[in-house]
């Protein structure tokens, strides 16, 4: 979905529809994380493990930010995702 959007012009007919689908996918993902995943992680991991995981994720985020992965996204798909 993101790869499709990066290749599109905002004035294309399908752009707004794809943005709406992406927004819904992100909102659903956030809801799942906050209501299901995060409570399980908090329950199953010690505070020290959570801190280590957070530090690892932050380091990965900073590394990805420096590499600008969004410039590689379109090259990772053979065909555009279907419009749902």
Protein backbone atom coordinates (compact mmCIF):
# COMPACT_ATOMS: atom_id res chain seq x y z
CA UNK A 1 0.00 0.00 0.00
CA UNK A 2 2.73 2.47 0.97
CA UNK A 3 4.75 1.54 -2.10
CA UNK A 4 1.75 2.29 -4.28
CA UNK A 5 1.22 5.67 -2.64
CA UNK A 6 4.87 6.64 -3.01
CA UNK A 7 4.62 6.00 -6.74
CA UNK A 8 1.36 7.93 -7.18
CA UNK A 9 0.62 11.58 -7.77
CA UNK A 10 -1.76 13.02 -5.17
CA UNK A 11 -4.05 14.11 -7.98
CA UNK A 12 -4.56 10.54 -9.28
CA UNK A 13 -8.09 9.23 -8.97
CA UNK A 14 -7.23 6.30 -6.66
CA UNK A 15 -4.91 8.22 -4.33
CA UNK A 16 -7.54 9.28 -1.78
CA UNK A 17 -9.09 5.81 -1.71
CA UNK A 18 -5.70 4.20 -1.09
CA UNK A 19 -4.96 6.75 1.64
CA UNK A 20 -8.28 5.92 3.31
CA UNK A 21 -7.46 2.20 3.21
CA UNK A 22 -3.98 2.84 4.63
CA UNK A 23 -5.45 4.99 7.41
CA UNK A 24 -7.90 2.23 8.33
CA UNK A 25 -5.14 -0.41 8.28
CA UNK A 26 -2.94 1.70 10.56
CA UNK A 27 -5.81 2.44 12.96
CA UNK A 28 -6.70 -1.28 13.14
CA UNK A 29 -3.05 -2.16 13.73
CA UNK A 30 -2.74 0.40 16.54
CA UNK A 31 -5.94 -0.84 18.16
CA UNK A 32 -4.71 -4.45 18.04
CA UNK A 33 -1.36 -3.48 19.54
CA UNK A 34 -2.84 -1.37 22.32
CA UNK A 35 -5.67 -3.73 23.27
CA UNK A 36 -4.01 -7.12 22.77
CA UNK A 37 -0.28 -7.12 22.15
CA UNK A 38 0.99 -4.51 24.62
CA UNK A 39 -0.92 -5.90 27.62
CA UNK A 40 0.50 -9.38 26.89
CA UNK A 41 4.02 -8.01 26.58
CA UNK A 42 3.69 -6.06 29.83
CA UNK A 43 2.42 -9.19 31.55
CA UNK A 44 5.01 -11.61 30.15
CA UNK A 45 8.21 -9.53 30.32
CA UNK A 46 10.10 -8.14 33.28
CA UNK A 47 10.77 -4.40 33.44
CA UNK A 48 14.44 -4.97 32.63
CA UNK A 49 13.53 -6.97 29.51
CA UNK A 50 11.11 -4.27 28.39
CA UNK A 51 13.79 -1.61 28.82
CA UNK A 52 16.26 -3.68 26.77
CA UNK A 53 13.65 -4.27 24.08
CA UNK A 54 12.84 -0.57 23.99
CA UNK A 55 16.51 0.35 23.63
CA UNK A 56 16.92 -2.19 20.82
CA UNK A 57 13.86 -0.85 19.00
CA UNK A 58 15.06 2.73 19.38
CA UNK A 59 18.47 1.82 17.95
CA UNK A 60 16.82 0.07 15.02
CA UNK A 61 14.57 3.08 14.43
CA UNK A 62 17.54 5.45 14.39
CA UNK A 63 19.44 3.17 12.00
CA UNK A 64 16.47 2.96 9.63
CA UNK A 65 15.94 6.70 9.81
CA UNK A 66 19.51 7.30 8.65
CA UNK A 67 19.10 4.86 5.74
CA UNK A 68 15.84 6.42 4.52
CA UNK A 69 14.10 3.07 3.90
CA UNK A 70 11.12 4.78 2.30
CA UNK A 71 13.24 5.26 -0.80
CA UNK A 72 13.57 1.48 -1.18
CA UNK A 73 9.93 0.51 -0.59
CA UNK A 74 8.76 0.67 -4.23
CA UNK A 75 11.57 -1.66 -5.25
CA UNK A 76 10.41 -4.36 -2.85
CA UNK A 77 7.10 -5.14 -4.57
CA UNK A 78 6.56 -6.85 -7.90
CA UNK A 79 3.07 -5.46 -8.33
CA UNK A 80 0.87 -2.88 -6.62
CA UNK A 81 -1.33 -4.00 -3.78
CA UNK A 82 -5.02 -4.29 -4.68
CA UNK A 83 -7.34 -1.46 -3.79
CA UNK A 84 -9.60 -2.80 -1.04
